[in-house]
Amino acid sequence: MAVKSPTTYGDYYWAMQVEAQKFFDESIEQTLSPYFRGIFADIPELSELPAGMQNFIRAFA
């Protein structure tokens, strides 16, 4: 399937779904990023956290 140049209705429908999902994901990211920024700003030095929390924080990086 060619997203940039859809040739069938299925290609077109799929391309529109991809674009809609991208827009939805970006809007969620913009909405939630201030909250995560505030949460992560209050976290002490990573090495001071328990090992489980260190792994959790590194997963976001």
PDB file of N, CA and C in Angstrom:
ATOM      1  N   MET A   1       0.831  -1.182   0.000  1.00  0.00           N
ATOM      2  CA  MET A   1       0.000   0.000   0.000  1.00  0.00           C
ATOM      3  C   MET A   1       0.871   1.239   0.000  1.00  0.00           C
ATOM      4  N   ALA A   2       0.433   2.214  -0.723  1.00  0.00           N
ATOM      5  CA  ALA A   2       1.181   3.463  -0.815  1.00  0.00           C
ATOM      6  C   ALA A   2       0.409   4.558  -0.087  1.00  0.00           C
ATOM      7  N   VAL A   3       0.931   4.990   1.041  1.00  0.00           N
ATOM      8  CA  VAL A   3       0.244   6.019   1.815  1.00  0.00           C
ATOM      9  C   VAL A   3       0.303   7.365   1.104  1.00  0.00           C
ATOM     10  N   LYS A   4       1.425   7.675   0.476  1.00  0.00           N
ATOM     11  CA  LYS A   4       1.576   8.987  -0.161  1.00  0.00           C
ATOM     12  C   LYS A   4       0.776   9.112  -1.442  1.00  0.00           C
ATOM     13  N   SER A   5       0.538   8.032  -2.124  1.00  0.00           N
ATOM     14  CA  SER A   5      -0.252   8.085  -3.360  1.00  0.00           C
ATOM     15  C   SER A   5      -1.205   6.891  -3.408  1.00  0.00           C
ATOM     16  N   PRO A   6      -2.310   6.983  -2.676  1.00  0.00           N
ATOM     17  CA  PRO A   6      -3.249   5.858  -2.651  1.00  0.00           C
ATOM     18  C   PRO A   6      -3.880   5.625  -4.022  1.00  0.00           C
ATOM     19  N   THR A   7      -3.963   4.373  -4.418  1.00  0.00           N
ATOM     20  CA  THR A   7      -4.527   4.046  -5.728  1.00  0.00           C
ATOM     21  C   THR A   7      -5.904   3.410  -5.622  1.00  0.00           C
ATOM     22  N   THR A   8      -6.221   2.866  -4.467  1.00  0.00           N
ATOM     23  CA  THR A   8      -7.535   2.255  -4.284  1.00  0.00           C
ATOM     24  C   THR A   8      -8.218   2.913  -3.096  1.00  0.00           C
ATOM     25  N   TYR A   9      -9.496   2.642  -2.961  1.00  0.00           N
ATOM     26  CA  TYR A   9     -10.228   3.175  -1.816  1.00  0.00           C
ATOM     27  C   TYR A   9      -9.641   2.645  -0.512  1.00  0.00           C
ATOM     28  N   GLY A  10      -9.228   1.395  -0.500  1.00  0.00           N
ATOM     29  CA  GLY A  10      -8.616   0.818   0.693  1.00  0.00           C
ATOM     30  C   GLY A  10      -7.342   1.545   1.080  1.00  0.00           C
ATOM     31  N   ASP A  11      -6.512   1.857   0.089  1.00  0.00           N
ATOM     32  CA  ASP A  11      -5.291   2.624   0.356  1.00  0.00           C
ATOM     33  C   ASP A  11      -5.632   3.997   0.915  1.00  0.00           C
ATOM     34  N   TYR A  12      -6.613   4.644   0.308  1.00  0.00           N
ATOM     35  CA  TYR A  12      -7.024   5.980   0.747  1.00  0.00           C
ATOM     36  C   TYR A  12      -7.552   5.926   2.182  1.00  0.00           C
ATOM     37  N   TYR A  13      -8.419   4.958   2.463  1.00  0.00           N
ATOM     38  CA  TYR A  13      -8.999   4.813   3.796  1.00  0.00           C
ATOM     39  C   TYR A  13      -7.904   4.565   4.826  1.00  0.00           C
ATOM     40  N   TRP A  14      -6.963   3.694   4.493  1.00  0.00           N
ATOM     41  CA  TRP A  14      -5.867   3.388   5.405  1.00  0.00           C
ATOM     42  C   TRP A  14      -5.006   4.626   5.650  1.00  0.00           C
ATOM     43  N   ALA A  15      -4.715   5.379   4.586  1.00  0.00           N
ATOM     44  CA  ALA A  15      -3.898   6.586   4.728  1.00  0.00           C
ATOM     45  C   ALA A  15      -4.592   7.607   5.623  1.00  0.00           C
ATOM     46  N   MET A  16      -5.894   7.752   5.473  1.00  0.00           N
ATOM     47  CA  MET A  16      -6.631   8.696   6.312  1.00  0.00           C
ATOM     48  C   MET A  16      -6.633   8.248   7.772  1.00  0.00           C
ATOM     49  N   GLN A  17      -6.711   6.961   8.008  1.00  0.00           N
ATOM     50  CA  GLN A  17      -6.660   6.442   9.373  1.00  0.00           C
ATOM     51  C   GLN A  17      -5.293   6.699  10.005  1.00  0.00           C
ATOM     52  N   VAL A  18      -4.237   6.531   9.214  1.00  0.00           N
ATOM     53  CA  VAL A  18      -2.884   6.785   9.712  1.00  0.00           C
ATOM     54  C   VAL A  18      -2.736   8.256  10.084  1.00  0.00           C
ATOM     55  N   GLU A  19      -3.204   9.156   9.238  1.00  0.00           N
ATOM     56  CA  GLU A  19      -3.108  10.586   9.528  1.00  0.00           C
ATOM     57  C   GLU A  19      -3.959  10.970  10.729  1.00  0.00           C
ATOM     58  N   ALA A  20      -5.147  10.413  10.826  1.00  0.00           N
ATOM     59  CA  ALA A  20      -6.020  10.721  11.958  1.00  0.00           C
ATOM     60  C   ALA A  20      -5.394  10.243  13.263  1.00  0.00           C
ATOM     61  N   GLN A  21      -4.801   9.061  13.259  1.00  0.00           N
ATOM     62  CA  GLN A  21      -4.168   8.541  14.466  1.00  0.00           C
ATOM     63  C   GLN A  21      -2.963   9.392  14.853  1.00  0.00           C
ATOM     64  N   LYS A  22      -2.208   9.850  13.867  1.00  0.00           N
ATOM     65  CA  LYS A  22      -1.054  10.714  14.135  1.00  0.00           C
ATOM     66  C   LYS A  22      -1.510  12.011  14.794  1.00  0.00           C
ATOM     67  N   PHE A  23      -2.568  12.620  14.274  1.00  0.00           N
ATOM     68  CA  PHE A  23      -3.101  13.850  14.850  1.00  0.00           C
ATOM     69  C   PHE A  23      -3.589  13.604  16.273  1.00  0.00           C
ATOM     70  N   PHE A  24      -4.292  12.502  16.489  1.00  0.00           N
ATOM     71  CA  PHE A  24      -4.808  12.158  17.806  1.00  0.00           C
ATOM     72  C   PHE A  24      -3.659  11.960  18.793  1.00  0.00           C
ATOM     73  N   ASP A  25      -2.623  11.229  18.393  1.00  0.00           N
ATOM     74  CA  ASP A  25      -1.471  10.987  19.264  1.00  0.00           C
ATOM     75  C   ASP A  25      -0.765  12.286  19.627  1.00  0.00           C
ATOM     76  N   GLU A  26      -0.602  13.186  18.654  1.00  0.00           N
ATOM     77  CA  GLU A  26       0.064  14.454  18.920  1.00  0.00           C
ATOM     78  C   GLU A  26      -0.756  15.318  19.868  1.00  0.00           C
ATOM     79  N   SER A  27      -2.068  15.304  19.725  1.00  0.00           N
ATOM     80  CA  SER A  27      -2.900  16.114  20.615  1.00  0.00           C
ATOM     81  C   SER A  27      -2.857  15.574  22.043  1.00  0.00           C
ATOM     82  N   ILE A  28      -2.818  14.266  22.192  1.00  0.00           N
ATOM     83  CA  ILE A  28      -2.693  13.680  23.534  1.00  0.00           C
ATOM     84  C   ILE A  28      -1.346  14.050  24.143  1.00  0.00           C
ATOM     85  N   GLU A  29      -0.297  13.974  23.341  1.00  0.00           N
ATOM     86  CA  GLU A  29       1.035  14.319  23.839  1.00  0.00           C
ATOM     87  C   GLU A  29       1.089  15.772  24.292  1.00  0.00           C
ATOM     88  N   GLN A  30       0.523  16.676  23.521  1.00  0.00           N
ATOM     89  CA  GLN A  30       0.519  18.090  23.891  1.00  0.00           C
ATOM     90  C   GLN A  30      -0.305  18.332  25.149  1.00  0.00           C
ATOM     91  N   THR A  31      -1.360  17.578  25.322  1.00  0.00           N
ATOM     92  CA  THR A  31      -2.210  17.739  26.496  1.00  0.00           C
ATOM     93  C   THR A  31      -1.533  17.221  27.758  1.00  0.00           C
ATOM     94  N   LEU A  32      -0.860  16.088  27.666  1.00  0.00           N
ATOM     95  CA  LEU A  32      -0.282  15.456  28.848  1.00  0.00           C
ATOM     96  C   LEU A  32       1.134  15.907  29.180  1.00  0.00           C
ATOM     97  N   SER A  33       1.854  16.467  28.224  1.00  0.00           N
ATOM     98  CA  SER A  33       3.261  16.800  28.464  1.00  0.00           C
ATOM     99  C   SER A  33       3.475  17.774  29.623  1.00  0.00           C
ATOM    100  N   PRO A  34       2.640  18.790  29.835  1.00  0.00           N
ATOM    101  CA  PRO A  34       2.878  19.659  30.996  1.00  0.00           C
ATOM    102  C   PRO A  34       2.781  18.908  32.323  1.00  0.00           C
ATOM    103  N   TYR A  35       1.894  17.944  32.412  1.00  0.00           N
ATOM    104  CA  TYR A  35       1.755  17.180  33.648  1.00  0.00           C
ATOM    105  C   TYR A  35       2.982  16.309  33.895  1.00  0.00           C
ATOM    106  N   PHE A  36       3.454  15.641  32.852  1.00  0.00           N
ATOM    107  CA  PHE A  36       4.650  14.814  33.008  1.00  0.00           C
ATOM    108  C   PHE A  36       5.874  15.670  33.299  1.00  0.00           C
ATOM    109  N   ARG A  37       5.945  16.844  32.698  1.00  0.00           N
ATOM    110  CA  ARG A  37       7.070  17.738  32.957  1.00  0.00           C
ATOM    111  C   ARG A  37       7.099  18.101  34.438  1.00  0.00           C
ATOM    112  N   GLY A  38       5.933  18.404  34.990  1.00  0.00           N
ATOM    113  CA  GLY A  38       5.855  18.737  36.411  1.00  0.00           C
ATOM    114  C   GLY A  38       6.206  17.566  37.304  1.00  0.00           C
ATOM    115  N   ILE A  39       5.760  16.386  36.928  1.00  0.00           N
ATOM    116  CA  ILE A  39       6.065  15.191  37.723  1.00  0.00           C
ATOM    117  C   ILE A  39       7.557  14.898  37.693  1.00  0.00           C
ATOM    118  N   PHE A  40       8.153  14.933  36.512  1.00  0.00           N
ATOM    119  CA  PHE A  40       9.569  14.606  36.388  1.00  0.00           C
ATOM    120  C   PHE A  40      10.464  15.690  36.972  1.00  0.00           C
ATOM    121  N   ALA A  41       9.990  16.919  37.057  1.00  0.00           N
ATOM    122  CA  ALA A  41      10.799  17.988  37.639  1.00  0.00           C
ATOM    123  C   ALA A  41      10.995  17.770  39.136  1.00  0.00           C
ATOM    124  N   ASP A  42      10.047  17.112  39.777  1.00  0.00           N
ATOM    125  CA  ASP A  42      10.124  16.887  41.220  1.00  0.00           C
ATOM    126  C   ASP A  42      10.870  15.613  41.602  1.00  0.00           C
ATOM    127  N   ILE A  43      11.311  14.842  40.631  1.00  0.00           N
ATOM    128  CA  ILE A  43      12.011  13.590  40.923  1.00  0.00           C
ATOM    129  C   ILE A  43      13.457  13.902  41.312  1.00  0.00           C
ATOM    130  N   PRO A  44      13.931  13.309  42.403  1.00  0.00           N
ATOM    131  CA  PRO A  44      15.331  13.542  42.791  1.00  0.00           C
ATOM    132  C   PRO A  44      16.289  12.884  41.799  1.00  0.00           C
ATOM    133  N   GLU A  45      17.549  12.966  42.089  1.00  0.00           N
ATOM    134  CA  GLU A  45      18.569  12.340  41.245  1.00  0.00           C
ATOM    135  C   GLU A  45      18.209  10.878  41.009  1.00  0.00           C
ATOM    136  N   LEU A  46      18.349  10.445  39.764  1.00  0.00           N
ATOM    137  CA  LEU A  46      17.940   9.092  39.382  1.00  0.00           C
ATOM    138  C   LEU A  46      18.625   8.023  40.229  1.00  0.00           C
ATOM    139  N   SER A  47      19.880   8.226  40.547  1.00  0.00           N
ATOM    140  CA  SER A  47      20.616   7.214  41.318  1.00  0.00           C
ATOM    141  C   SER A  47      20.097   7.088  42.749  1.00  0.00           C
ATOM    142  N   GLU A  48      19.350   8.075  43.236  1.00  0.00           N
ATOM    143  CA  GLU A  48      18.813   8.027  44.595  1.00  0.00           C
ATOM    144  C   GLU A  48      17.509   7.234  44.679  1.00  0.00           C
ATOM    145  N   LEU A  49      16.921   6.921  43.548  1.00  0.00           N
ATOM    146  CA  LEU A  49      15.645   6.204  43.530  1.00  0.00           C
ATOM    147  C   LEU A  49      15.861   4.698  43.650  1.00  0.00           C
ATOM    148  N   PRO A  50      14.841   3.968  44.102  1.00  0.00           N
ATOM    149  CA  PRO A  50      14.933   2.501  44.122  1.00  0.00           C
ATOM    150  C   PRO A  50      15.104   1.954  42.706  1.00  0.00           C
ATOM    151  N   ALA A  51      15.649   0.767  42.601  1.00  0.00           N
ATOM    152  CA  ALA A  51      15.957   0.179  41.291  1.00  0.00           C
ATOM    153  C   ALA A  51      14.722   0.077  40.405  1.00  0.00           C
ATOM    154  N   GLY A  52      13.586  -0.301  40.967  1.00  0.00           N
ATOM    155  CA  GLY A  52      12.365  -0.414  40.173  1.00  0.00           C
ATOM    156  C   GLY A  52      11.938   0.917  39.577  1.00  0.00           C
ATOM    157  N   MET A  53      12.052   1.975  40.367  1.00  0.00           N
ATOM    158  CA  MET A  53      11.697   3.307  39.866  1.00  0.00           C
ATOM    159  C   MET A  53      12.694   3.773  38.812  1.00  0.00           C
ATOM    160  N   GLN A  54      13.965   3.437  38.985  1.00  0.00           N
ATOM    161  CA  GLN A  54      14.967   3.814  37.988  1.00  0.00           C
ATOM    162  C   GLN A  54      14.629   3.195  36.643  1.00  0.00           C
ATOM    163  N   ASN A  55      14.260   1.929  36.638  1.00  0.00           N
ATOM    164  CA  ASN A  55      13.890   1.262  35.382  1.00  0.00           C
ATOM    165  C   ASN A  55      12.656   1.907  34.771  1.00  0.00           C
ATOM    166  N   PHE A  56      11.684   2.260  35.609  1.00  0.00           N
ATOM    167  CA  PHE A  56      10.459   2.895  35.131  1.00  0.00           C
ATOM    168  C   PHE A  56      10.763   4.241  34.474  1.00  0.00           C
ATOM    169  N   ILE A  57      11.598   5.045  35.100  1.00  0.00           N
ATOM    170  CA  ILE A  57      11.955   6.364  34.561  1.00  0.00           C
ATOM    171  C   ILE A  57      12.768   6.205  33.283  1.00  0.00           C
ATOM    172  N   ARG A  58      13.679   5.262  33.246  1.00  0.00           N
ATOM    173  CA  ARG A  58      14.494   5.051  32.040  1.00  0.00           C
ATOM    174  C   ARG A  58      13.640   4.604  30.860  1.00  0.00           C
ATOM    175  N   ALA A  59      12.547   3.929  31.132  1.00  0.00           N
ATOM    176  CA  ALA A  59      11.657   3.495  30.053  1.00  0.00           C
ATOM    177  C   ALA A  59      11.034   4.693  29.347  1.00  0.00           C
ATOM    178  N   PHE A  60      10.863   5.802  30.043  1.00  0.00           N
ATOM    179  CA  PHE A  60      10.316   7.008  29.432  1.00  0.00           C
ATOM    180  C   PHE A  60      11.349   7.757  28.605  1.00  0.00           C
ATOM    181  N   ALA A  61      12.617   7.544  28.890  1.00  0.00           N
ATOM    182  CA  ALA A  61      13.677   8.303  28.205  1.00  0.00           C
ATOM    183  C   ALA A  61      13.869   7.852  26.780  1.00  0.00           C
TER     184      ALA A  61
END
